Amino acid sequence: FVFESDEYERHFMPYHPEYTIMTNIDFDHPDYFEGIEDVTSAFQDYANNIKKGIFAYGEDVNLRKLSAKAPIYYYGFEANDDYRAENLIRSTRGSSFDAYFRGEKIGHFVVPAYGKHNVLNALSVVAVCHNLGLDMTDVADHLLTFRGVKRRFTEKKVGETVIIDDFAHHPTEIEATLDAARQKYPDREIVAVFQPHTFTRTIAFADEFAEVLDHA
């Protein structure tokens, strides 16, 4: 059983999963959390609930601060990550990479998705499956069938215009969506239409929103 949990109001605290993937720690809910330290504290409490293994993005400085009874495996692009993606190729058809576990190649993977964040998402899944002892060839075959989820880079064509609908409501998420759009449509003009989501978030990150939207 796989589920997505949320740190908002510490909704993930009732759960005690066998394994968890932590993609990042961001100050995303200023109406509830006091700051990034408060968010990190919530993730630390959640980390204490995990029974068998935590898979955390290694380039996130706040995730690196966590400690837990369960082993923590870091994934990413850097040499000090346990699971590392190398030989990354990003094209208009998707992304491919070689995955390594502590220096040993465990497989080649292709994911029909766009943006650096989706490479990391795929790598985190590969890491969990490898830790569980699943066949990496089977994992690679299943990744090829991944088509994303609703309102995450959902595309619709109107004439010659491609409309991408994405529930990106934080500057970091908007940056990731723009990166994905540039990968799939490198020769097209990118126009961003932004719908603010909650007053507190818009005010708290006004400067960050302006900066990232300026890249469109």
Protein backbone atom coordinates (compact mmCIF):
# COMPACT_ATOMS: atom_id res chain seq x y z
CA PHE A 1 0.00 0.00 0.00
CA VAL A 2 1.50 3.31 -1.13
CA PHE A 3 0.17 6.70 -0.07
CA GLU A 4 1.17 10.36 -0.26
CA SER A 5 1.29 12.10 3.11
CA ASP A 6 1.25 15.81 3.88
CA GLU A 7 3.11 17.84 6.49
CA TYR A 8 0.35 20.48 6.69
CA GLU A 9 -0.98 20.57 10.26
CA ARG A 10 1.27 17.54 10.75
CA HIS A 11 -1.24 15.30 8.98
CA PHE A 12 1.46 12.65 8.45
CA MET A 13 2.00 12.07 12.17
CA PRO A 14 -0.66 9.35 12.71
CA TYR A 15 1.14 7.11 10.20
CA HIS A 16 3.97 4.69 10.99
CA PRO A 17 4.97 3.36 7.55
CA GLU A 18 7.60 0.75 6.82
CA TYR A 19 9.37 3.08 4.37
CA THR A 20 9.05 6.70 3.34
CA ILE A 21 10.39 8.96 0.60
CA MET A 22 11.13 12.56 1.57
CA THR A 23 11.57 14.72 -1.51
CA ASN A 24 12.29 18.02 0.23
CA ILE A 25 11.59 20.23 3.22
CA ASP A 26 10.13 23.58 2.17
CA PHE A 27 8.40 26.37 4.08
CA ASP A 28 5.17 25.81 2.17
CA HIS A 29 2.39 26.58 4.68
CA PRO A 30 2.97 29.96 6.37
CA ASP A 31 -0.58 29.90 7.74
CA TYR A 32 0.42 26.98 9.98
CA PHE A 33 4.21 26.74 10.33
CA GLU A 34 6.25 29.52 11.91
CA GLY A 35 9.26 29.01 9.65
CA ILE A 36 11.57 26.45 8.08
CA GLU A 37 12.81 25.31 11.50
CA ASP A 38 9.23 24.47 12.49
CA VAL A 39 8.75 22.48 9.28
CA THR A 40 12.02 20.62 9.83
CA SER A 41 10.91 19.79 13.38
CA ALA A 42 7.70 18.26 12.01
CA PHE A 43 9.67 16.11 9.57
CA GLN A 44 11.98 15.02 12.39
CA ASP A 45 8.96 13.86 14.40
CA TYR A 46 7.68 11.99 11.35
CA ALA A 47 11.10 10.42 10.72
CA ASN A 48 10.89 8.88 14.18
CA ASN A 49 7.74 7.02 13.05
CA ILE A 50 9.41 5.20 10.17
CA LYS A 51 10.09 1.51 10.79
CA LYS A 52 12.50 0.21 8.12
CA GLY A 53 13.94 2.94 5.90
CA ILE A 54 13.91 6.61 4.89
CA PHE A 55 14.83 7.69 1.37
CA ALA A 56 15.64 11.39 1.37
CA TYR A 57 16.81 13.83 -1.29
CA GLY A 58 20.47 14.31 -0.51
CA GLU A 59 20.88 17.88 -1.77
CA ASP A 60 18.28 19.22 0.66
CA VAL A 61 20.22 20.68 3.60
CA ASN A 62 17.28 20.32 5.97
CA LEU A 63 16.73 16.66 5.13
CA ARG A 64 20.43 16.11 5.88
CA LYS A 65 19.77 17.32 9.43
CA LEU A 66 17.32 14.51 10.21
CA SER A 67 18.12 11.53 12.40
CA ALA A 68 16.11 8.36 12.87
CA LYS A 69 16.16 4.83 14.24
CA ALA A 70 15.53 3.53 10.72
CA PRO A 71 18.41 3.80 8.22
CA ILE A 72 18.40 6.90 6.03
CA TYR A 73 19.38 6.50 2.37
CA TYR A 74 20.09 9.66 0.39
CA TYR A 75 19.39 9.90 -3.32
CA GLY A 76 20.35 12.55 -5.87
CA PHE A 77 23.11 13.56 -8.25
CA GLU A 78 26.04 14.04 -5.88
CA ALA A 79 28.92 11.69 -5.03
CA ASN A 80 27.94 11.51 -1.35
CA ASP A 81 24.43 10.20 -2.11
CA ASP A 82 23.75 6.50 -1.52
CA TYR A 83 21.63 6.27 -4.65
CA ARG A 84 22.88 8.43 -7.50
CA ALA A 85 21.65 9.22 -11.02
CA GLU A 86 24.39 9.54 -13.63
CA ASN A 87 24.58 9.94 -17.41
CA LEU A 88 21.33 11.90 -17.39
CA ILE A 89 19.81 12.54 -20.81
CA ARG A 90 16.81 14.87 -21.08
CA SER A 91 14.98 15.13 -24.37
CA THR A 92 11.58 16.07 -25.77
CA ARG A 93 10.51 12.44 -25.23
CA GLY A 94 11.43 12.19 -21.55
CA SER A 95 14.47 11.46 -19.42
CA SER A 96 16.90 8.58 -19.01
CA PHE A 97 19.63 7.87 -16.48
CA ASP A 98 21.86 5.21 -14.97
CA ALA A 99 21.25 4.48 -11.29
CA TYR A 100 24.06 3.61 -8.89
CA PHE A 101 23.99 2.35 -5.32
CA ARG A 102 27.16 3.28 -3.46
CA GLY A 103 29.22 3.15 -6.63
CA GLU A 104 27.67 0.02 -8.16
CA LYS A 105 25.43 0.36 -11.19
CA ILE A 106 22.01 -1.16 -10.58
CA GLY A 107 20.28 -0.34 -13.86
CA HIS A 108 19.38 1.99 -16.70
CA PHE A 109 16.00 3.70 -16.50
CA VAL A 110 13.81 5.73 -18.84
CA VAL A 111 10.86 7.75 -17.61
CA PRO A 112 8.43 9.44 -20.04
CA ALA A 113 8.23 12.55 -17.85
CA TYR A 114 9.86 15.95 -17.87
CA GLY A 115 11.84 18.08 -15.48
CA LYS A 116 14.72 17.34 -13.15
CA HIS A 117 12.28 16.75 -10.30
CA ASN A 118 10.75 13.78 -12.12
CA VAL A 119 14.18 12.22 -12.58
CA LEU A 120 14.63 12.50 -8.82
CA ASN A 121 11.16 11.08 -8.21
CA ALA A 122 11.97 8.11 -10.43
CA LEU A 123 15.33 7.62 -8.71
CA SER A 124 13.68 7.58 -5.29
CA VAL A 125 11.28 4.85 -6.44
CA VAL A 126 14.18 2.87 -7.90
CA ALA A 127 15.96 3.21 -4.55
CA VAL A 128 13.02 1.84 -2.57
CA CYS A 129 12.50 -1.04 -5.01
CA HIS A 130 16.21 -1.89 -4.93
CA ASN A 131 16.17 -1.89 -1.14
CA LEU A 132 13.19 -4.25 -1.21
CA GLY A 133 15.09 -6.62 -3.49
CA LEU A 134 12.84 -6.21 -6.52
CA ASP A 135 14.11 -7.01 -9.99
CA MET A 136 15.51 -3.84 -11.53
CA THR A 137 14.51 -4.91 -15.05
CA ASP A 138 10.89 -5.12 -13.92
CA VAL A 139 11.18 -1.71 -12.27
CA ALA A 140 12.57 -0.23 -15.49
CA ASP A 141 9.73 -1.74 -17.51
CA HIS A 142 7.10 -0.27 -15.19
CA LEU A 143 8.70 3.18 -15.18
CA LEU A 144 8.25 3.24 -18.95
CA THR A 145 4.47 3.14 -18.44
CA PHE A 146 4.35 6.11 -16.04
CA ARG A 147 1.99 8.78 -17.34
CA GLY A 148 1.90 11.17 -14.41
CA VAL A 149 -1.07 12.24 -12.31
CA LYS A 150 -3.93 14.66 -12.84
CA ARG A 151 -3.07 18.38 -12.63
CA ARG A 152 0.64 17.72 -12.66
CA PHE A 153 1.82 18.81 -16.10
CA THR A 154 -1.55 17.93 -17.66
CA GLU A 155 -1.53 18.98 -21.32
CA LYS A 156 -4.29 20.14 -23.66
CA LYS A 157 -3.93 21.48 -27.21
CA VAL A 158 -6.02 24.39 -28.50
CA GLY A 159 -5.05 24.94 -32.11
CA GLU A 160 -1.29 25.34 -32.12
CA THR A 161 -1.20 26.35 -28.45
CA VAL A 162 -0.28 23.82 -25.76
CA ILE A 163 -1.89 24.52 -22.38
CA ILE A 164 -0.16 22.91 -19.41
CA ASP A 165 -2.19 22.70 -16.21
CA ASP A 166 -0.11 22.17 -13.08
CA PHE A 167 -1.06 22.59 -9.42
CA ALA A 168 2.23 24.33 -8.68
CA HIS A 169 1.44 26.78 -5.89
CA HIS A 170 4.93 27.29 -4.39
CA PRO A 171 7.91 29.04 -6.06
CA THR A 172 9.97 25.83 -6.02
CA GLU A 173 7.17 23.92 -7.74
CA ILE A 174 6.64 26.64 -10.34
CA GLU A 175 10.35 26.57 -11.15
CA ALA A 176 10.17 22.79 -11.62
CA THR A 177 7.15 23.08 -13.93
CA LEU A 178 8.84 25.73 -16.07
CA ASP A 179 11.94 23.53 -16.28
CA ALA A 180 9.79 20.61 -17.46
CA ALA A 181 8.04 22.78 -20.06
CA ARG A 182 11.37 23.95 -21.47
CA GLN A 183 12.57 20.35 -21.72
CA LYS A 184 9.56 19.17 -23.70
CA TYR A 185 9.15 22.34 -25.76
CA PRO A 186 12.64 23.82 -26.11
CA ASP A 187 11.75 25.87 -29.19
CA ARG A 188 8.43 27.27 -27.96
CA GLU A 189 7.70 30.49 -26.11
CA ILE A 190 6.71 29.81 -22.49
CA VAL A 191 3.95 32.02 -21.05
CA ALA A 192 3.02 31.54 -17.39
CA VAL A 193 -0.48 32.28 -16.09
CA PHE A 194 -0.34 32.22 -12.30
CA GLN A 195 -3.34 31.76 -10.00
CA PRO A 196 -2.40 32.61 -6.39
CA HIS A 197 -3.32 29.95 -3.84
CA THR A 198 -4.10 31.28 -0.33
CA PHE A 199 -3.48 34.85 0.81
CA THR A 200 -0.86 33.95 3.42
CA ARG A 201 1.30 32.02 0.96
CA THR A 202 1.07 34.75 -1.68
CA ILE A 203 2.15 37.46 0.78
CA ALA A 204 4.87 35.35 2.42
CA PHE A 205 6.52 34.41 -0.90
CA ALA A 206 5.71 37.48 -3.02
CA ASP A 207 9.35 38.17 -3.88
CA GLU A 208 10.07 34.50 -4.65
CA PHE A 209 6.98 34.28 -6.89
CA ALA A 210 8.07 37.39 -8.78
CA GLU A 211 11.58 36.04 -9.30
CA VAL A 212 10.57 32.60 -10.56
CA LEU A 213 7.76 33.90 -12.79
CA ASP A 214 10.22 36.32 -14.35
CA HIS A 215 11.92 33.26 -15.86
CA ALA A 216 8.88 32.42 -18.00
